[in-house]
Amino acid sequence: MAAKPQCESEQEVRSWGFLHVFTWTDGPNAYYSPHSHAGLTTHLIRKGQLTMTYPKEKGSEKKTYTVGDRIDVEAGRVHEVWMGPEGCTYVIGE
């Protein structure tokens, strides 16, 4: 179950200074190959979990995030993402 209502989670992300905010859901075991974004992005986990690593960085290890965790990814930073067995719902701020 989500930690708080979706509208409150989206408002929280807006309060961090992000103008484009939306909620996204990925299905079980979804995968995003290594990629980057032009600007800073944030992810606030509402339900499920995701695991992320930075494959171009020496010594980078996979880290799993769960409900309530915030993950910021700097502009241009290459990252790779796996969703958990129950999928993942998260608020994205761009």
PDB file of N, CA and C in Angstrom:
ATOM      1  N   MET A   1       0.839  -1.186   0.000  1.00  0.00           N
ATOM      2  CA  MET A   1       0.000   0.000   0.000  1.00  0.00           C
ATOM      3  C   MET A   1       0.885   1.251   0.000  1.00  0.00           C
ATOM      4  N   ALA A   2       0.452   2.276  -0.690  1.00  0.00           N
ATOM      5  CA  ALA A   2       1.212   3.518  -0.776  1.00  0.00           C
ATOM      6  C   ALA A   2       1.273   4.202   0.585  1.00  0.00           C
ATOM      7  N   ALA A   3       2.363   4.906   0.815  1.00  0.00           N
ATOM      8  CA  ALA A   3       2.588   5.567   2.092  1.00  0.00           C
ATOM      9  C   ALA A   3       1.606   6.718   2.337  1.00  0.00           C
ATOM     10  N   LYS A   4       1.188   7.400   1.290  1.00  0.00           N
ATOM     11  CA  LYS A   4       0.261   8.527   1.401  1.00  0.00           C
ATOM     12  C   LYS A   4      -0.496   8.660   0.088  1.00  0.00           C
ATOM     13  N   PRO A   5      -1.569   9.455   0.058  1.00  0.00           N
ATOM     14  CA  PRO A   5      -2.325   9.615  -1.198  1.00  0.00           C
ATOM     15  C   PRO A   5      -1.440  10.145  -2.330  1.00  0.00           C
ATOM     16  N   GLN A   6      -1.766   9.741  -3.554  1.00  0.00           N
ATOM     17  CA  GLN A   6      -0.983  10.144  -4.725  1.00  0.00           C
ATOM     18  C   GLN A   6      -0.842  11.654  -4.826  1.00  0.00           C
ATOM     19  N   CYS A   7      -1.932  12.391  -4.607  1.00  0.00           N
ATOM     20  CA  CYS A   7      -1.857  13.848  -4.739  1.00  0.00           C
ATOM     21  C   CYS A   7      -0.873  14.454  -3.746  1.00  0.00           C
ATOM     22  N   GLU A   8      -0.785  13.881  -2.546  1.00  0.00           N
ATOM     23  CA  GLU A   8       0.173  14.380  -1.552  1.00  0.00           C
ATOM     24  C   GLU A   8       1.607  14.059  -1.969  1.00  0.00           C
ATOM     25  N   SER A   9       1.819  12.867  -2.519  1.00  0.00           N
ATOM     26  CA  SER A   9       3.159  12.507  -2.996  1.00  0.00           C
ATOM     27  C   SER A   9       3.593  13.421  -4.127  1.00  0.00           C
ATOM     28  N   GLU A  10       2.678  13.707  -5.062  1.00  0.00           N
ATOM     29  CA  GLU A  10       3.010  14.610  -6.169  1.00  0.00           C
ATOM     30  C   GLU A  10       3.287  16.020  -5.661  1.00  0.00           C
ATOM     31  N   GLN A  11       2.518  16.485  -4.691  1.00  0.00           N
ATOM     32  CA  GLN A  11       2.754  17.818  -4.129  1.00  0.00           C
ATOM     33  C   GLN A  11       4.107  17.877  -3.421  1.00  0.00           C
ATOM     34  N   GLU A  12       4.466  16.796  -2.744  1.00  0.00           N
ATOM     35  CA  GLU A  12       5.773  16.749  -2.078  1.00  0.00           C
ATOM     36  C   GLU A  12       6.896  16.915  -3.094  1.00  0.00           C
ATOM     37  N   VAL A  13       6.795  16.203  -4.222  1.00  0.00           N
ATOM     38  CA  VAL A  13       7.829  16.305  -5.253  1.00  0.00           C
ATOM     39  C   VAL A  13       7.856  17.720  -5.836  1.00  0.00           C
ATOM     40  N   ARG A  14       6.697  18.332  -6.041  1.00  0.00           N
ATOM     41  CA  ARG A  14       6.662  19.724  -6.510  1.00  0.00           C
ATOM     42  C   ARG A  14       7.367  20.650  -5.518  1.00  0.00           C
ATOM     43  N   SER A  15       7.213  20.364  -4.226  1.00  0.00           N
ATOM     44  CA  SER A  15       7.823  21.219  -3.199  1.00  0.00           C
ATOM     45  C   SER A  15       9.347  21.157  -3.239  1.00  0.00           C
ATOM     46  N   TRP A  16       9.893  20.142  -3.887  1.00  0.00           N
ATOM     47  CA  TRP A  16      11.345  20.029  -4.045  1.00  0.00           C
ATOM     48  C   TRP A  16      11.848  20.855  -5.225  1.00  0.00           C
ATOM     49  N   GLY A  17      10.941  21.545  -5.937  1.00  0.00           N
ATOM     50  CA  GLY A  17      11.331  22.425  -7.026  1.00  0.00           C
ATOM     51  C   GLY A  17      11.150  21.859  -8.418  1.00  0.00           C
ATOM     52  N   PHE A  18      10.502  20.706  -8.551  1.00  0.00           N
ATOM     53  CA  PHE A  18      10.278  20.112  -9.869  1.00  0.00           C
ATOM     54  C   PHE A  18       8.969  20.626 -10.454  1.00  0.00           C
ATOM     55  N   LEU A  19       9.001  21.054 -11.712  1.00  0.00           N
ATOM     56  CA  LEU A  19       7.822  21.629 -12.353  1.00  0.00           C
ATOM     57  C   LEU A  19       6.978  20.580 -13.068  1.00  0.00           C
ATOM     58  N   HIS A  20       7.616  19.585 -13.668  1.00  0.00           N
ATOM     59  CA  HIS A  20       6.898  18.522 -14.367  1.00  0.00           C
ATOM     60  C   HIS A  20       6.873  17.307 -13.438  1.00  0.00           C
ATOM     61  N   VAL A  21       5.695  17.001 -12.908  1.00  0.00           N
ATOM     62  CA  VAL A  21       5.553  15.934 -11.911  1.00  0.00           C
ATOM     63  C   VAL A  21       4.418  15.006 -12.337  1.00  0.00           C
ATOM     64  N   PHE A  22       4.653  13.698 -12.282  1.00  0.00           N
ATOM     65  CA  PHE A  22       3.610  12.736 -12.624  1.00  0.00           C
ATOM     66  C   PHE A  22       3.893  11.401 -11.937  1.00  0.00           C
ATOM     67  N   THR A  23       2.861  10.588 -11.824  1.00  0.00           N
ATOM     68  CA  THR A  23       2.994   9.262 -11.234  1.00  0.00           C
ATOM     69  C   THR A  23       3.045   8.227 -12.349  1.00  0.00           C
ATOM     70  N   TRP A  24       3.934   7.261 -12.200  1.00  0.00           N
ATOM     71  CA  TRP A  24       4.169   6.235 -13.212  1.00  0.00           C
ATOM     72  C   TRP A  24       4.160   4.865 -12.546  1.00  0.00           C
ATOM     73  N   THR A  25       3.640   3.868 -13.251  1.00  0.00           N
ATOM     74  CA  THR A  25       3.660   2.495 -12.748  1.00  0.00           C
ATOM     75  C   THR A  25       4.283   1.570 -13.778  1.00  0.00           C
ATOM     76  N   ASP A  26       5.232   0.764 -13.328  1.00  0.00           N
ATOM     77  CA  ASP A  26       5.835  -0.274 -14.149  1.00  0.00           C
ATOM     78  C   ASP A  26       5.382  -1.630 -13.627  1.00  0.00           C
ATOM     79  N   GLY A  27       5.203  -2.569 -14.534  1.00  0.00           N
ATOM     80  CA  GLY A  27       4.785  -3.909 -14.166  1.00  0.00           C
ATOM     81  C   GLY A  27       5.897  -4.709 -13.522  1.00  0.00           C
ATOM     82  N   PRO A  28       5.560  -5.904 -13.060  1.00  0.00           N
ATOM     83  CA  PRO A  28       6.538  -6.781 -12.420  1.00  0.00           C
ATOM     84  C   PRO A  28       7.757  -7.029 -13.309  1.00  0.00           C
ATOM     85  N   ASN A  29       8.913  -6.898 -12.690  1.00  0.00           N
ATOM     86  CA  ASN A  29      10.199  -7.208 -13.322  1.00  0.00           C
ATOM     87  C   ASN A  29      10.488  -6.395 -14.577  1.00  0.00           C
ATOM     88  N   ALA A  30       9.857  -5.231 -14.722  1.00  0.00           N
ATOM     89  CA  ALA A  30      10.175  -4.351 -15.857  1.00  0.00           C
ATOM     90  C   ALA A  30      11.650  -3.953 -15.770  1.00  0.00           C
ATOM     91  N   TYR A  31      12.221  -3.635 -16.923  1.00  0.00           N
ATOM     92  CA  TYR A  31      13.653  -3.329 -16.991  1.00  0.00           C
ATOM     93  C   TYR A  31      13.887  -2.143 -17.920  1.00  0.00           C
ATOM     94  N   TYR A  32      14.755  -1.222 -17.468  1.00  0.00           N
ATOM     95  CA  TYR A  32      15.192  -0.097 -18.293  1.00  0.00           C
ATOM     96  C   TYR A  32      16.693  -0.239 -18.501  1.00  0.00           C
ATOM     97  N   SER A  33      17.094  -0.425 -19.749  1.00  0.00           N
ATOM     98  CA  SER A  33      18.518  -0.558 -20.065  1.00  0.00           C
ATOM     99  C   SER A  33      19.232   0.762 -19.746  1.00  0.00           C
ATOM    100  N   PRO A  34      20.573   0.741 -19.711  1.00  0.00           N
ATOM    101  CA  PRO A  34      21.318   1.948 -19.364  1.00  0.00           C
ATOM    102  C   PRO A  34      20.890   3.146 -20.222  1.00  0.00           C
ATOM    103  N   HIS A  35      20.607   4.246 -19.539  1.00  0.00           N
ATOM    104  CA  HIS A  35      20.157   5.467 -20.208  1.00  0.00           C
ATOM    105  C   HIS A  35      20.423   6.662 -19.300  1.00  0.00           C
ATOM    106  N   SER A  36      20.230   7.856 -19.844  1.00  0.00           N
ATOM    107  CA  SER A  36      20.369   9.082 -19.051  1.00  0.00           C
ATOM    108  C   SER A  36      19.289  10.064 -19.495  1.00  0.00           C
ATOM    109  N   HIS A  37      19.168  11.140 -18.735  1.00  0.00           N
ATOM    110  CA  HIS A  37      18.190  12.184 -19.031  1.00  0.00           C
ATOM    111  C   HIS A  37      18.909  13.525 -19.154  1.00  0.00           C
ATOM    112  N   ALA A  38      18.309  14.443 -19.887  1.00  0.00           N
ATOM    113  CA  ALA A  38      18.929  15.751 -20.125  1.00  0.00           C
ATOM    114  C   ALA A  38      18.974  16.612 -18.867  1.00  0.00           C
ATOM    115  N   GLY A  39      18.027  16.400 -17.952  1.00  0.00           N
ATOM    116  CA  GLY A  39      17.987  17.201 -16.731  1.00  0.00           C
ATOM    117  C   GLY A  39      17.906  16.323 -15.498  1.00  0.00           C
ATOM    118  N   LEU A  40      18.023  16.951 -14.344  1.00  0.00           N
ATOM    119  CA  LEU A  40      17.875  16.252 -13.066  1.00  0.00           C
ATOM    120  C   LEU A  40      16.492  15.617 -12.986  1.00  0.00           C
ATOM    121  N   THR A  41      16.423  14.369 -12.523  1.00  0.00           N
ATOM    122  CA  THR A  41      15.139  13.715 -12.278  1.00  0.00           C
ATOM    123  C   THR A  41      15.128  13.186 -10.849  1.00  0.00           C
ATOM    124  N   THR A  42      13.931  13.084 -10.284  1.00  0.00           N
ATOM    125  CA  THR A  42      13.778  12.459  -8.979  1.00  0.00           C
ATOM    126  C   THR A  42      12.668  11.429  -9.060  1.00  0.00           C
ATOM    127  N   HIS A  43      12.735  10.452  -8.175  1.00  0.00           N
ATOM    128  CA  HIS A  43      11.749   9.373  -8.126  1.00  0.00           C
ATOM    129  C   HIS A  43      11.394   9.155  -6.659  1.00  0.00           C
ATOM    130  N   LEU A  44      10.124   9.218  -6.330  1.00  0.00           N
ATOM    131  CA  LEU A  44       9.640   8.964  -4.978  1.00  0.00           C
ATOM    132  C   LEU A  44       8.810   7.684  -5.033  1.00  0.00           C
ATOM    133  N   ILE A  45       9.275   6.631  -4.381  1.00  0.00           N
ATOM    134  CA  ILE A  45       8.619   5.333  -4.464  1.00  0.00           C
ATOM    135  C   ILE A  45       7.343   5.333  -3.623  1.00  0.00           C
ATOM    136  N   ARG A  46       6.217   4.962  -4.262  1.00  0.00           N
ATOM    137  CA  ARG A  46       4.919   4.898  -3.582  1.00  0.00           C
ATOM    138  C   ARG A  46       4.497   3.473  -3.270  1.00  0.00           C
ATOM    139  N   LYS A  47       4.864   2.540  -4.141  1.00  0.00           N
ATOM    140  CA  LYS A  47       4.453   1.143  -3.969  1.00  0.00           C
ATOM    141  C   LYS A  47       5.461   0.249  -4.671  1.00  0.00           C
ATOM    142  N   GLY A  48       5.796  -0.876  -4.073  1.00  0.00           N
ATOM    143  CA  GLY A  48       6.738  -1.801  -4.681  1.00  0.00           C
ATOM    144  C   GLY A  48       8.176  -1.395  -4.434  1.00  0.00           C
ATOM    145  N   GLN A  49       9.021  -1.777  -5.389  1.00  0.00           N
ATOM    146  CA  GLN A  49      10.440  -1.456  -5.253  1.00  0.00           C
ATOM    147  C   GLN A  49      11.108  -1.394  -6.612  1.00  0.00           C
ATOM    148  N   LEU A  50      12.246  -0.715  -6.643  1.00  0.00           N
ATOM    149  CA  LEU A  50      13.095  -0.716  -7.827  1.00  0.00           C
ATOM    150  C   LEU A  50      14.543  -0.815  -7.391  1.00  0.00           C
ATOM    151  N   THR A  51      15.348  -1.349  -8.289  1.00  0.00           N
ATOM    152  CA  THR A  51      16.782  -1.484  -8.054  1.00  0.00           C
ATOM    153  C   THR A  51      17.499  -0.720  -9.147  1.00  0.00           C
ATOM    154  N   MET A  52      18.513   0.057  -8.746  1.00  0.00           N
ATOM    155  CA  MET A  52      19.222   0.904  -9.698  1.00  0.00           C
ATOM    156  C   MET A  52      20.722   0.747  -9.532  1.00  0.00           C
ATOM    157  N   THR A  53      21.427   0.900 -10.641  1.00  0.00           N
ATOM    158  CA  THR A  53      22.881   0.958 -10.617  1.00  0.00           C
ATOM    159  C   THR A  53      23.340   1.965 -11.668  1.00  0.00           C
ATOM    160  N   TYR A  54      24.588   2.340 -11.570  1.00  0.00           N
ATOM    161  CA  TYR A  54      25.202   3.298 -12.497  1.00  0.00           C
ATOM    162  C   TYR A  54      26.332   2.561 -13.216  1.00  0.00           C
ATOM    163  N   PRO A  55      26.019   1.878 -14.334  1.00  0.00           N
ATOM    164  CA  PRO A  55      26.958   0.937 -14.956  1.00  0.00           C
ATOM    165  C   PRO A  55      28.258   1.528 -15.486  1.00  0.00           C
ATOM    166  N   LYS A  56      28.314   2.809 -15.730  1.00  0.00           N
ATOM    167  CA  LYS A  56      29.545   3.408 -16.247  1.00  0.00           C
ATOM    168  C   LYS A  56      30.486   3.862 -15.134  1.00  0.00           C
ATOM    169  N   GLU A  57      30.041   3.715 -13.869  1.00  0.00           N
ATOM    170  CA  GLU A  57      30.842   4.180 -12.739  1.00  0.00           C
ATOM    171  C   GLU A  57      31.547   3.001 -12.071  1.00  0.00           C
ATOM    172  N   LYS A  58      32.846   3.096 -11.968  1.00  0.00           N
ATOM    173  CA  LYS A  58      33.636   2.021 -11.370  1.00  0.00           C
ATOM    174  C   LYS A  58      33.173   1.772  -9.931  1.00  0.00           C
ATOM    175  N   GLY A  59      32.949   0.508  -9.624  1.00  0.00           N
ATOM    176  CA  GLY A  59      32.561   0.142  -8.262  1.00  0.00           C
ATOM    177  C   GLY A  59      31.095   0.340  -7.935  1.00  0.00           C
ATOM    178  N   SER A  60      30.306   0.759  -8.913  1.00  0.00           N
ATOM    179  CA  SER A  60      28.878   0.960  -8.669  1.00  0.00           C
ATOM    180  C   SER A  60      28.200  -0.373  -8.391  1.00  0.00           C
ATOM    181  N   GLU A  61      27.367  -0.402  -7.367  1.00  0.00           N
ATOM    182  CA  GLU A  61      26.634  -1.608  -7.013  1.00  0.00           C
ATOM    183  C   GLU A  61      25.142  -1.352  -7.157  1.00  0.00           C
ATOM    184  N   LYS A  62      24.375  -2.421  -7.318  1.00  0.00           N
ATOM    185  CA  LYS A  62      22.924  -2.299  -7.366  1.00  0.00           C
ATOM    186  C   LYS A  62      22.412  -1.939  -5.982  1.00  0.00           C
ATOM    187  N   LYS A  63      21.454  -0.996  -5.948  1.00  0.00           N
ATOM    188  CA  LYS A  63      20.831  -0.620  -4.684  1.00  0.00           C
ATOM    189  C   LYS A  63      19.318  -0.667  -4.871  1.00  0.00           C
ATOM    190  N   THR A  64      18.626  -1.278  -3.911  1.00  0.00           N
ATOM    191  CA  THR A  64      17.179  -1.414  -3.984  1.00  0.00           C
ATOM    192  C   THR A  64      16.514  -0.355  -3.122  1.00  0.00           C
ATOM    193  N   TYR A  65      15.478   0.274  -3.689  1.00  0.00           N
ATOM    194  CA  TYR A  65      14.713   1.329  -3.018  1.00  0.00           C
ATOM    195  C   TYR A  65      13.277   0.857  -2.839  1.00  0.00           C
ATOM    196  N   THR A  66      12.666   1.252  -1.722  1.00  0.00           N
ATOM    197  CA  THR A  66      11.308   0.834  -1.398  1.00  0.00           C
ATOM    198  C   THR A  66      10.443   2.038  -1.037  1.00  0.00           C
ATOM    199  N   VAL A  67       9.219   1.784  -0.627  1.00  0.00           N
ATOM    200  CA  VAL A  67       8.227   2.827  -0.343  1.00  0.00           C
ATOM    201  C   VAL A  67       8.813   3.930   0.546  1.00  0.00           C
ATOM    202  N   GLY A  68       8.645   5.165   0.059  1.00  0.00           N
ATOM    203  CA  GLY A  68       9.108   6.337   0.795  1.00  0.00           C
ATOM    204  C   GLY A  68      10.490   6.810   0.409  1.00  0.00           C
ATOM    205  N   ASP A  69      11.244   5.990  -0.321  1.00  0.00           N
ATOM    206  CA  ASP A  69      12.598   6.384  -0.721  1.00  0.00           C
ATOM    207  C   ASP A  69      12.560   7.389  -1.869  1.00  0.00           C
ATOM    208  N   ARG A  70      13.510   8.313  -1.821  1.00  0.00           N
ATOM    209  CA  ARG A  70      13.704   9.300  -2.891  1.00  0.00           C
ATOM    210  C   ARG A  70      15.027   9.001  -3.577  1.00  0.00           C
ATOM    211  N   ILE A  71      15.005   8.979  -4.912  1.00  0.00           N
ATOM    212  CA  ILE A  71      16.207   8.751  -5.697  1.00  0.00           C
ATOM    213  C   ILE A  71      16.361   9.920  -6.658  1.00  0.00           C
ATOM    214  N   ASP A  72      17.453  10.647  -6.556  1.00  0.00           N
ATOM    215  CA  ASP A  72      17.757  11.718  -7.499  1.00  0.00           C
ATOM    216  C   ASP A  72      18.820  11.213  -8.472  1.00  0.00           C
ATOM    217  N   VAL A  73      18.613  11.504  -9.757  1.00  0.00           N
ATOM    218  CA  VAL A  73      19.581  11.123 -10.784  1.00  0.00           C
ATOM    219  C   VAL A  73      19.980  12.397 -11.524  1.00  0.00           C
ATOM    220  N   GLU A  74      21.246  12.737 -11.413  1.00  0.00           N
ATOM    221  CA  GLU A  74      21.749  13.963 -12.022  1.00  0.00           C
ATOM    222  C   GLU A  74      21.668  13.905 -13.547  1.00  0.00           C
ATOM    223  N   ALA A  75      21.573  15.060 -14.167  1.00  0.00           N
ATOM    224  CA  ALA A  75      21.532  15.167 -15.627  1.00  0.00           C
ATOM    225  C   ALA A  75      22.741  14.457 -16.231  1.00  0.00           C
ATOM    226  N   GLY A  76      22.492  13.634 -17.246  1.00  0.00           N
ATOM    227  CA  GLY A  76      23.562  12.962 -17.960  1.00  0.00           C
ATOM    228  C   GLY A  76      24.129  11.723 -17.281  1.00  0.00           C
ATOM    229  N   ARG A  77      23.690  11.419 -16.057  1.00  0.00           N
ATOM    230  CA  ARG A  77      24.225  10.250 -15.339  1.00  0.00           C
ATOM    231  C   ARG A  77      23.547   8.977 -15.842  1.00  0.00           C
ATOM    232  N   VAL A  78      24.337   8.071 -16.382  1.00  0.00           N
ATOM    233  CA  VAL A  78      23.803   6.833 -16.945  1.00  0.00           C
ATOM    234  C   VAL A  78      23.413   5.895 -15.807  1.00  0.00           C
ATOM    235  N   HIS A  79      22.172   5.399 -15.879  1.00  0.00           N
ATOM    236  CA  HIS A  79      21.657   4.481 -14.857  1.00  0.00           C
ATOM    237  C   HIS A  79      20.866   3.360 -15.518  1.00  0.00           C
ATOM    238  N   GLU A  80      20.752   2.254 -14.787  1.00  0.00           N
ATOM    239  CA  GLU A  80      20.055   1.057 -15.257  1.00  0.00           C
ATOM    240  C   GLU A  80      19.103   0.652 -14.137  1.00  0.00           C
ATOM    241  N   VAL A  81      17.868   0.238 -14.509  1.00  0.00           N
ATOM    242  CA  VAL A  81      16.834   0.045 -13.491  1.00  0.00           C
ATOM    243  C   VAL A  81      16.062  -1.259 -13.700  1.00  0.00           C
ATOM    244  N   TRP A  82      15.804  -1.960 -12.591  1.00  0.00           N
ATOM    245  CA  TRP A  82      14.990  -3.169 -12.562  1.00  0.00           C
ATOM    246  C   TRP A  82      13.863  -2.960 -11.568  1.00  0.00           C
ATOM    247  N   MET A  83      12.632  -3.276 -11.962  1.00  0.00           N
ATOM    248  CA  MET A  83      11.501  -3.214 -11.042  1.00  0.00           C
ATOM    249  C   MET A  83      11.400  -4.529 -10.288  1.00  0.00           C
ATOM    250  N   GLY A  84      10.799  -4.474  -9.111  1.00  0.00           N
ATOM    251  CA  GLY A  84      10.654  -5.664  -8.286  1.00  0.00           C
ATOM    252  C   GLY A  84       9.581  -6.612  -8.812  1.00  0.00           C
ATOM    253  N   PRO A  85       9.397  -7.737  -8.143  1.00  0.00           N
ATOM    254  CA  PRO A  85       8.455  -8.759  -8.587  1.00  0.00           C
ATOM    255  C   PRO A  85       6.998  -8.320  -8.540  1.00  0.00           C
ATOM    256  N   GLU A  86       6.697  -7.259  -7.803  1.00  0.00           N
ATOM    257  CA  GLU A  86       5.329  -6.739  -7.749  1.00  0.00           C
ATOM    258  C   GLU A  86       5.173  -5.456  -8.569  1.00  0.00           C
ATOM    259  N   GLY A  87       6.210  -5.108  -9.308  1.00  0.00           N
ATOM    260  CA  GLY A  87       6.203  -3.846 -10.047  1.00  0.00           C
ATOM    261  C   GLY A  87       6.552  -2.686  -9.133  1.00  0.00           C
ATOM    262  N   CYS A  88       6.348  -1.481  -9.632  1.00  0.00           N
ATOM    263  CA  CYS A  88       6.686  -0.294  -8.846  1.00  0.00           C
ATOM    264  C   CYS A  88       5.871   0.898  -9.331  1.00  0.00           C
ATOM    265  N   THR A  89       5.337   1.650  -8.377  1.00  0.00           N
ATOM    266  CA  THR A  89       4.658   2.904  -8.667  1.00  0.00           C
ATOM    267  C   THR A  89       5.468   4.010  -8.003  1.00  0.00           C
ATOM    268  N   TYR A  90       5.755   5.052  -8.765  1.00  0.00           N
ATOM    269  CA  TYR A  90       6.598   6.126  -8.229  1.00  0.00           C
ATOM    270  C   TYR A  90       6.211   7.456  -8.862  1.00  0.00           C
ATOM    271  N   VAL A  91       6.483   8.522  -8.110  1.00  0.00           N
ATOM    272  CA  VAL A  91       6.277   9.879  -8.615  1.00  0.00           C
ATOM    273  C   VAL A  91       7.596  10.335  -9.202  1.00  0.00           C
ATOM    274  N   ILE A  92       7.523  10.848 -10.419  1.00  0.00           N
ATOM    275  CA  ILE A  92       8.709  11.365 -11.106  1.00  0.00           C
ATOM    276  C   ILE A  92       8.637  12.882 -11.132  1.00  0.00           C
ATOM    277  N   GLY A  93       9.747  13.502 -10.851  1.00  0.00           N
ATOM    278  CA  GLY A  93       9.873  14.948 -10.983  1.00  0.00           C
ATOM    279  C   GLY A  93      10.978  15.263 -11.959  1.00  0.00           C
ATOM    280  N   GLU A  94      10.678  16.177 -12.891  1.00  0.00           N
ATOM    281  CA  GLU A  94      11.666  16.575 -13.898  1.00  0.00           C
ATOM    282  C   GLU A  94      11.768  18.094 -13.913  1.00  0.00           C
TER     283      GLU A  94
END
